[in-house]
Protein backbone atom coordinates (compact mmCIF):
# COMPACT_ATOMS: atom_id res chain seq x y z
CA MET A 1 -28.23 -10.54 1.06
CA LYS A 2 -31.49 -9.21 -0.56
CA ALA A 3 -33.59 -6.45 0.96
CA GLN A 4 -37.18 -7.49 1.56
CA ILE A 5 -38.32 -3.93 2.49
CA LYS A 6 -37.14 -0.93 0.56
CA LEU A 7 -36.89 2.31 2.49
CA GLY A 8 -35.82 4.79 -0.20
CA THR A 9 -32.60 6.28 -1.46
CA VAL A 10 -29.81 8.14 0.25
CA PHE A 11 -27.18 9.94 -1.91
CA GLY A 12 -28.55 7.91 -4.82
CA ILE A 13 -28.11 4.56 -3.04
CA GLU A 14 -31.08 2.34 -2.36
CA VAL A 15 -31.60 1.50 1.31
CA GLY A 16 -33.48 -1.61 2.41
CA LEU A 17 -34.15 -3.97 5.31
CA HIS A 18 -33.77 -7.69 5.44
CA TYR A 19 -36.49 -9.36 7.67
CA SER A 20 -33.83 -10.55 10.11
CA TRP A 21 -33.31 -6.88 11.01
CA PHE A 22 -36.54 -6.84 13.10
CA PHE A 23 -35.32 -9.65 15.15
CA VAL A 24 -32.32 -7.73 16.32
CA ALA A 25 -34.31 -4.53 16.65
CA LEU A 26 -36.80 -6.16 19.02
CA LEU A 27 -33.88 -7.73 20.92
CA ILE A 28 -32.28 -4.33 21.42
CA MET A 29 -35.45 -2.77 22.41
CA PHE A 30 -36.46 -5.24 25.05
CA SER A 31 -32.84 -5.31 26.37
CA LEU A 32 -32.93 -1.51 26.75
CA VAL A 33 -36.21 -1.58 28.56
CA VAL A 34 -34.57 -3.89 31.12
CA GLN A 35 -31.47 -1.78 31.24
CA PHE A 36 -33.23 1.64 31.49
CA HIS A 37 -35.44 0.23 34.34
CA ALA A 38 -32.25 -0.73 36.17
CA VAL A 39 -30.56 2.69 35.58
CA ASN A 40 -33.23 4.69 37.34
CA ARG A 41 -36.36 2.99 38.82
CA SER A 42 -38.11 6.31 39.23
CA TRP A 43 -38.70 6.53 35.49
CA THR A 44 -42.22 5.73 34.39
CA GLU A 45 -43.04 2.86 32.14
CA THR A 46 -43.87 5.26 29.33
CA VAL A 47 -40.47 7.16 29.64
CA VAL A 48 -38.62 3.84 29.63
CA TRP A 49 -40.39 2.55 26.49
CA VAL A 50 -40.10 5.79 24.61
CA ALA A 51 -36.27 5.96 25.44
CA ALA A 52 -35.82 2.30 24.45
CA ILE A 53 -37.74 2.76 21.10
CA SER A 54 -35.99 5.96 20.27
CA THR A 55 -32.56 4.39 20.89
CA SER A 56 -33.41 1.48 18.62
CA ILE A 57 -34.41 3.89 15.80
CA LEU A 58 -31.22 5.91 16.29
CA PHE A 59 -29.12 2.88 16.38
CA PHE A 60 -30.70 1.96 12.96
CA ALA A 61 -29.48 5.48 11.78
CA CYS A 62 -25.91 4.74 13.17
CA LEU A 63 -25.66 1.49 11.31
CA LEU A 64 -26.86 3.26 8.21
CA ALA A 65 -24.16 5.89 8.62
CA HIS A 66 -21.54 3.13 8.99
CA GLU A 67 -22.54 1.46 5.66
CA LEU A 68 -23.02 4.83 3.91
CA SER A 69 -19.40 5.58 4.72
CA HIS A 70 -18.28 2.49 2.93
CA ALA A 71 -20.62 3.25 -0.02
CA LEU A 72 -19.54 6.86 -0.31
CA VAL A 73 -15.83 6.08 -0.32
CA ALA A 74 -16.53 3.45 -3.00
CA LYS A 75 -18.44 6.04 -5.15
CA ALA A 76 -15.69 8.47 -4.69
CA ARG A 77 -13.21 5.91 -6.04
CA GLY A 78 -15.43 5.27 -9.10
CA LEU A 79 -17.07 2.07 -7.95
CA PRO A 80 -20.83 1.80 -8.51
CA VAL A 81 -22.88 1.07 -5.28
CA HIS A 82 -26.12 -0.85 -6.00
CA ASN A 83 -27.71 -0.73 -2.48
CA ILE A 84 -27.43 -0.99 1.22
CA THR A 85 -29.23 -3.72 3.15
CA LEU A 86 -29.42 -3.83 6.95
CA PHE A 87 -29.80 -7.31 8.45
CA LEU A 88 -29.45 -9.38 11.57
CA LEU A 89 -25.62 -8.81 12.10
CA GLY A 90 -25.48 -5.22 10.94
CA GLY A 91 -25.48 -4.11 7.25
CA MET A 92 -23.97 -4.62 3.83
CA ALA A 93 -23.26 -2.16 1.06
CA GLN A 94 -23.49 -3.95 -2.26
CA ILE A 95 -20.62 -2.64 -4.30
CA GLU A 96 -20.84 -3.76 -7.89
CA LYS A 97 -17.17 -4.08 -8.61
CA GLU A 98 -14.25 -5.19 -6.60
CA ALA A 99 -11.50 -2.70 -5.66
CA SER A 100 -8.81 -2.43 -8.40
CA ASP A 101 -5.97 -1.55 -6.04
CA PRO A 102 -5.12 -2.11 -2.26
CA SER A 103 -5.49 1.45 -1.51
CA THR A 104 -9.05 1.63 -2.53
CA GLU A 105 -9.85 -1.57 -0.60
CA PHE A 106 -8.27 -0.21 2.52
CA TRP A 107 -10.06 3.08 2.63
CA MET A 108 -13.43 1.46 1.66
CA ALA A 109 -12.95 -1.04 4.54
CA ILE A 110 -11.74 1.27 7.22
CA ALA A 111 -14.26 4.05 6.57
CA GLY A 112 -17.04 2.17 8.48
CA PRO A 113 -15.22 1.61 11.71
CA ILE A 114 -13.85 5.25 11.54
CA ALA A 115 -17.45 6.48 11.07
CA SER A 116 -18.77 4.35 14.00
CA GLY A 117 -15.80 5.51 16.23
CA VAL A 118 -16.35 9.16 15.43
CA ILE A 119 -20.11 8.86 16.10
CA GLY A 120 -19.48 7.17 19.43
CA LEU A 121 -16.96 9.72 20.61
CA VAL A 122 -19.28 12.63 19.52
CA LEU A 123 -22.33 11.18 21.36
CA LEU A 124 -20.32 10.51 24.62
CA THR A 125 -18.91 14.01 24.39
CA VAL A 126 -22.46 15.62 24.14
CA ALA A 127 -23.62 13.39 27.07
CA TRP A 128 -20.62 14.63 29.08
CA SER A 129 -21.46 18.17 28.13
CA LEU A 130 -24.92 17.59 29.55
CA GLY A 131 -23.56 16.51 32.98
CA TRP A 132 -22.97 12.80 32.52
CA ILE A 133 -20.00 11.54 34.47
CA PRO A 134 -18.08 8.68 32.67
CA TRP A 135 -18.56 5.22 34.02
CA ARG A 136 -21.67 6.30 35.99
CA PRO A 137 -25.24 5.64 35.19
CA ALA A 138 -26.98 8.43 33.25
CA GLN A 139 -29.65 10.27 35.35
CA THR A 140 -31.88 11.49 32.47
CA PRO A 141 -33.58 9.54 29.66
CA GLY A 142 -31.94 11.71 26.92
CA VAL A 143 -28.48 11.31 28.32
CA ALA A 144 -29.00 7.68 28.83
CA VAL A 145 -29.85 7.25 25.11
CA LEU A 146 -26.72 9.23 24.18
CA VAL A 147 -24.44 7.13 26.44
CA TRP A 148 -25.78 3.77 25.14
CA LEU A 149 -25.47 4.85 21.49
CA GLY A 150 -21.95 6.27 22.21
CA TYR A 151 -20.72 2.96 23.73
CA ILE A 152 -22.48 0.76 21.26
CA ASN A 153 -20.89 2.67 18.26
CA LEU A 154 -17.45 2.32 19.84
CA VAL A 155 -18.08 -1.42 20.29
CA LEU A 156 -19.34 -1.67 16.67
CA GLY A 157 -16.37 -0.04 15.22
CA ALA A 158 -14.00 -2.12 17.41
CA PHE A 159 -15.82 -5.37 16.57
CA ASN A 160 -15.64 -4.62 12.85
CA MET A 161 -11.93 -4.16 13.05
CA ILE A 162 -11.36 -7.82 14.07
CA PRO A 163 -9.19 -9.10 11.18
CA ALA A 164 -11.65 -11.71 10.02
CA PHE A 165 -12.99 -11.63 6.63
CA PRO A 166 -15.70 -10.50 5.71
CA LEU A 167 -15.71 -8.00 8.60
CA ASP A 168 -14.13 -4.66 7.92
CA GLY A 169 -10.94 -5.67 9.71
CA GLY A 170 -10.62 -8.70 7.40
CA ARG A 171 -10.88 -6.38 4.32
CA VAL A 172 -8.23 -4.09 5.89
CA LEU A 173 -6.07 -7.27 6.33
CA ARG A 174 -6.67 -8.16 2.74
CA ALA A 175 -5.61 -4.71 1.53
CA ILE A 176 -2.38 -4.81 3.51
CA ILE A 177 -1.46 -8.28 2.35
CA TRP A 178 -2.39 -7.20 -1.30
CA TRP A 179 -0.15 -4.19 -0.95
CA ILE A 180 2.78 -6.34 0.36
CA THR A 181 2.50 -9.28 -2.10
CA GLY A 182 0.89 -7.48 -5.06
CA LYS A 183 -1.55 -10.43 -5.52
CA ALA A 184 -5.25 -9.68 -4.96
CA ASP A 185 -6.39 -13.37 -5.10
CA ARG A 186 -3.81 -14.54 -2.73
CA SER A 187 -4.68 -11.75 -0.18
CA ALA A 188 -8.37 -12.48 -0.45
CA ARG A 189 -7.70 -16.22 0.19
CA ILE A 190 -5.64 -15.51 3.30
CA ALA A 191 -8.15 -13.10 4.62
CA ALA A 192 -10.94 -15.65 4.08
CA GLN A 193 -9.06 -18.39 5.79
CA VAL A 194 -8.32 -16.11 8.73
CA GLY A 195 -12.07 -15.46 8.81
CA GLN A 196 -12.70 -19.15 9.01
CA LEU A 197 -10.35 -19.56 11.95
CA ALA A 198 -11.97 -16.64 13.60
CA GLY A 199 -15.35 -18.22 13.11
CA TRP A 200 -14.24 -21.50 14.81
CA GLY A 201 -12.86 -19.42 17.57
CA PHE A 202 -16.08 -17.60 18.15
CA ILE A 203 -17.94 -20.91 18.17
CA ALA A 204 -15.53 -22.43 20.56
CA TYR A 205 -15.80 -19.48 22.94
CA GLY A 206 -19.57 -19.36 22.71
CA ILE A 207 -19.90 -22.95 23.51
CA SER A 208 -17.52 -22.53 26.48
CA SER A 209 -19.42 -19.51 27.68
CA PHE A 210 -22.79 -21.21 27.29
CA PHE A 211 -21.94 -24.10 29.36
CA GLY A 212 -20.06 -21.90 31.83
CA GLY A 213 -23.25 -20.01 32.51
CA GLY A 214 -22.98 -17.32 29.90
CA GLY A 215 -26.57 -18.17 28.61
CA LEU A 216 -27.74 -15.90 25.64
CA GLY A 217 -24.38 -14.34 25.27
CA GLY A 218 -22.70 -17.67 24.44
CA ILE A 219 -25.39 -18.44 21.86
CA TRP A 220 -24.79 -15.01 20.21
CA PHE A 221 -21.03 -15.79 20.07
CA ILE A 222 -21.83 -19.21 18.41
CA PHE A 223 -24.10 -17.54 15.92
CA ILE A 224 -21.47 -14.93 14.95
CA GLY A 225 -18.95 -17.68 14.51
CA TRP A 226 -21.33 -19.55 12.25
CA PHE A 227 -21.94 -16.35 10.17
CA LEU A 228 -18.15 -15.82 9.84
CA LEU A 229 -17.59 -19.45 8.74
CA LYS A 230 -20.42 -19.32 6.14
CA THR A 231 -19.48 -15.94 4.63
CA ALA A 232 -15.66 -16.73 4.58
CA GLY A 233 -16.40 -20.07 3.06
CA ALA A 234 -18.53 -18.43 0.37
CA SER A 235 -15.70 -15.99 -0.33
CA LEU A 236 -13.31 -18.92 -0.87
CA LEU A 237 -15.81 -20.55 -3.17
CA GLN A 238 -16.22 -17.37 -5.11
CA LEU A 239 -12.43 -17.19 -5.47
CA GLN A 240 -12.33 -20.69 -6.81
CA ILE A 241 -15.11 -20.00 -9.36
CA GLY A 242 -13.37 -16.79 -10.27
CA SER A 243 -10.23 -18.86 -11.01
CA LEU A 244 -12.09 -21.40 -13.11
CA LEU A 245 -13.69 -18.61 -15.14
CA ARG A 246 -10.60 -16.51 -15.58
CA GLY A 247 -9.94 -15.57 -19.20
CA LEU A 248 -13.50 -16.29 -20.31
CA ARG A 249 -15.69 -13.49 -21.77
CA VAL A 250 -19.46 -13.40 -22.22
CA ARG A 251 -18.95 -13.93 -25.97
CA ASP A 252 -17.24 -17.23 -25.10
CA VAL A 253 -20.14 -18.59 -23.10
CA MET A 254 -23.20 -16.93 -24.62
CA SER A 255 -25.78 -18.92 -26.69
CA GLN A 256 -26.94 -17.45 -30.01
CA ASP A 257 -29.75 -19.95 -30.24
CA CYS A 258 -32.47 -17.80 -28.66
CA PRO A 259 -35.99 -19.06 -29.07
CA SER A 260 -38.63 -16.42 -29.36
CA VAL A 261 -42.39 -16.22 -28.67
CA ASP A 262 -44.97 -13.79 -29.89
CA GLY A 263 -46.08 -11.46 -27.12
CA SER A 264 -49.78 -11.94 -27.90
CA MET A 265 -49.76 -15.62 -27.10
CA GLY A 266 -51.68 -16.67 -24.10
CA LEU A 267 -49.68 -17.64 -21.02
CA GLN A 268 -51.45 -20.98 -20.65
CA GLU A 269 -50.63 -21.87 -24.26
CA PHE A 270 -47.01 -20.76 -23.76
CA VAL A 271 -46.58 -22.95 -20.77
CA ASP A 272 -48.29 -25.89 -22.39
CA GLU A 273 -46.77 -25.75 -25.85
CA LEU A 274 -43.38 -24.30 -25.28
CA LEU A 275 -42.19 -24.49 -21.76
CA LEU A 276 -43.35 -28.01 -20.82
CA LYS A 277 -42.76 -29.53 -24.27
CA THR A 278 -39.36 -28.10 -25.20
CA GLY A 279 -37.77 -27.99 -21.85
CA ARG A 280 -36.27 -24.56 -22.62
CA ARG A 281 -36.35 -22.03 -19.86
CA CYS A 282 -35.72 -18.76 -21.52
CA PHE A 283 -37.67 -17.12 -24.41
CA LEU A 284 -37.46 -13.70 -26.08
CA VAL A 285 -40.71 -11.85 -26.41
CA ILE A 286 -41.29 -10.48 -29.90
CA ASP A 287 -43.89 -7.74 -30.71
CA ASP A 288 -43.96 -6.24 -34.19
CA HIS A 289 -40.61 -7.85 -35.15
CA ARG A 290 -38.70 -6.35 -32.19
CA VAL A 291 -37.62 -7.74 -28.87
CA THR A 292 -39.78 -6.35 -26.05
CA GLY A 293 -38.85 -8.57 -23.12
CA LEU A 294 -37.84 -11.87 -21.69
CA ILE A 295 -39.97 -14.62 -20.26
CA THR A 296 -38.79 -17.53 -18.05
CA PRO A 297 -40.45 -19.82 -15.51
CA HIS A 298 -39.62 -17.21 -12.93
CA GLU A 299 -42.00 -14.63 -14.47
CA VAL A 300 -44.64 -17.46 -14.99
CA ARG A 301 -44.57 -18.36 -11.33
CA ASP A 302 -45.28 -14.74 -10.40
CA ILE A 303 -48.77 -15.13 -12.00
CA GLU A 304 -51.36 -17.00 -10.17
CA ARG A 305 -52.13 -20.28 -11.98
CA SER A 306 -55.80 -19.57 -12.13
CA ARG A 307 -55.02 -16.42 -14.25
CA TRP A 308 -52.78 -18.15 -16.85
CA PRO A 309 -55.61 -18.48 -19.37
CA LEU A 310 -56.43 -14.81 -18.98
CA VAL A 311 -52.99 -13.34 -19.26
CA SER A 312 -50.81 -12.88 -22.39
CA VAL A 313 -47.07 -13.58 -22.59
CA CYS A 314 -46.58 -9.75 -23.05
CA GLU A 315 -48.29 -9.04 -19.75
CA ALA A 316 -46.31 -11.60 -17.82
CA MET A 317 -42.87 -11.01 -19.30
CA ARG A 318 -40.04 -8.98 -17.81
CA PRO A 319 -39.72 -5.95 -20.13
CA VAL A 320 -36.55 -4.91 -21.81
CA SER A 321 -36.28 -1.72 -19.68
CA ALA A 322 -36.21 -3.86 -16.55
CA ILE A 323 -33.41 -6.18 -17.77
CA HIS A 324 -29.80 -5.51 -17.35
CA SER A 325 -27.97 -6.58 -20.50
CA LEU A 326 -24.51 -7.77 -20.88
CA SER A 327 -21.61 -6.66 -23.13
CA PRO A 328 -19.76 -9.41 -25.11
CA ASP A 329 -16.48 -8.13 -23.65
CA MET A 330 -17.58 -8.40 -20.04
CA SER A 331 -15.91 -11.20 -18.08
CA ALA A 332 -17.97 -14.39 -17.47
CA MET A 333 -17.49 -14.02 -13.69
CA GLN A 334 -19.00 -10.47 -13.84
CA ALA A 335 -22.05 -11.95 -15.74
CA LEU A 336 -22.44 -14.58 -13.04
CA GLU A 337 -22.35 -12.01 -10.30
CA MET A 338 -24.88 -9.87 -12.03
CA MET A 339 -27.33 -12.76 -12.32
CA GLY A 340 -26.95 -13.25 -8.60
CA ARG A 341 -27.56 -9.53 -7.88
CA GLU A 342 -30.58 -9.44 -10.16
CA ASP A 343 -31.87 -12.83 -9.04
CA VAL A 344 -32.34 -14.04 -12.66
CA ASN A 345 -31.11 -17.15 -14.43
CA GLN A 346 -30.54 -15.61 -17.93
CA LEU A 347 -29.31 -12.24 -19.19
CA PRO A 348 -29.38 -10.99 -22.77
CA VAL A 349 -26.18 -9.87 -24.61
CA VAL A 350 -26.74 -6.67 -26.51
CA VAL A 351 -24.56 -4.67 -28.83
CA ASP A 352 -25.77 -1.30 -30.25
CA GLY A 353 -29.26 -2.15 -29.36
CA GLN A 354 -29.17 -5.51 -31.20
CA LEU A 355 -29.54 -8.85 -29.41
CA GLU A 356 -26.38 -10.93 -29.81
CA GLY A 357 -27.21 -13.88 -27.55
CA ILE A 358 -28.18 -15.13 -24.12
CA VAL A 359 -26.09 -16.12 -21.19
CA SER A 360 -27.63 -18.61 -18.72
CA ARG A 361 -26.57 -19.40 -15.24
CA GLY A 362 -27.09 -23.13 -15.94
CA HIS A 363 -24.57 -22.97 -18.71
CA LEU A 364 -22.01 -21.16 -16.72
CA LEU A 365 -22.30 -23.68 -14.07
CA GLN A 366 -21.69 -26.43 -16.66
CA VAL A 367 -18.62 -24.54 -17.80
CA ILE A 368 -17.28 -24.30 -14.13
CA HIS A 369 -17.91 -27.95 -13.67
CA SER A 370 -16.15 -29.05 -16.82
CA ARG A 371 -13.19 -26.86 -16.18
CA SER A 372 -12.99 -28.03 -12.58
CA GLU A 373 -12.80 -31.62 -13.74
CA LEU A 374 -10.30 -31.00 -16.56
CA LEU A 375 -8.03 -28.46 -14.64
CA GLY A 376 -8.28 -30.30 -11.27
CA ARG A 377 -9.05 -27.06 -9.32
């Protein structure tokens, strides 16, 4: 899940928003307007809208706290955290490495629901101290905001503990099975399969609810079920790919035939003479006998076609400083995952500052396909 809008960093972790977040933010805001009108009809329109907008912003902060708890536990356990992205169904902390033991997996997973539960209880306690009586409507806008946020955080924590991968509860289930069996892959496969079953369950309930008069609520359950099916299926596919690439290192799959191009060449000439005629998709950019960057069709497409005759390869390339390099000893699966995170199709292999080769996503997919045919997986 890529962030389209970057908001900054918290504890050294990049925080961003996916466009789908605005859909749920607007949905929450308009739902709260209706709810707050119903709670106290004497509130003015301005008060209702201010309370609804404030609650939506604070809910964003609560979601961020939930994801930060995952990320901070991961960092405390020595796992690098790339970023946090908030999207339609909540958020996702992008942790660059898988947990190496069931204990780490367990505490990373359960940290989020614990954080949401604690936030919910604290907010409801503050509302109670301000005169709110449990199970009764709040009489002031400030208390109404606290009560809604308190309840929704408790619901968020409970929902995430459903034992369906990739929800936090599914990861907790994976950690427990891993601890019992000692097998990480098997535990991940079982958790993903449970996630698929849960997805079908949500879809069935949503369809039943929709035709039973549940309306929008039924559609929401169907969407959650579809999300669980999609992500659990992707996890199973990733496990299969990991199995096919097991034992392979970057040095086994890299290409040492790396074509180069002079950085002073015009971009139009580069496209006409090299990209289109050779069919190659990745070129090292050389300036004064040293590698200064990488250029692929991806970088070319970022330049307006009308400017190609006016731009040099050096101006269009991705500079070395912006490229994550690979180590020859890194696993092939890690290389493939890094390409996905960086949204690139090739990455250089560098040792002591010297280029050793290039690993391409296309070649890795060919390796996966060949091993799948030969090994029957």
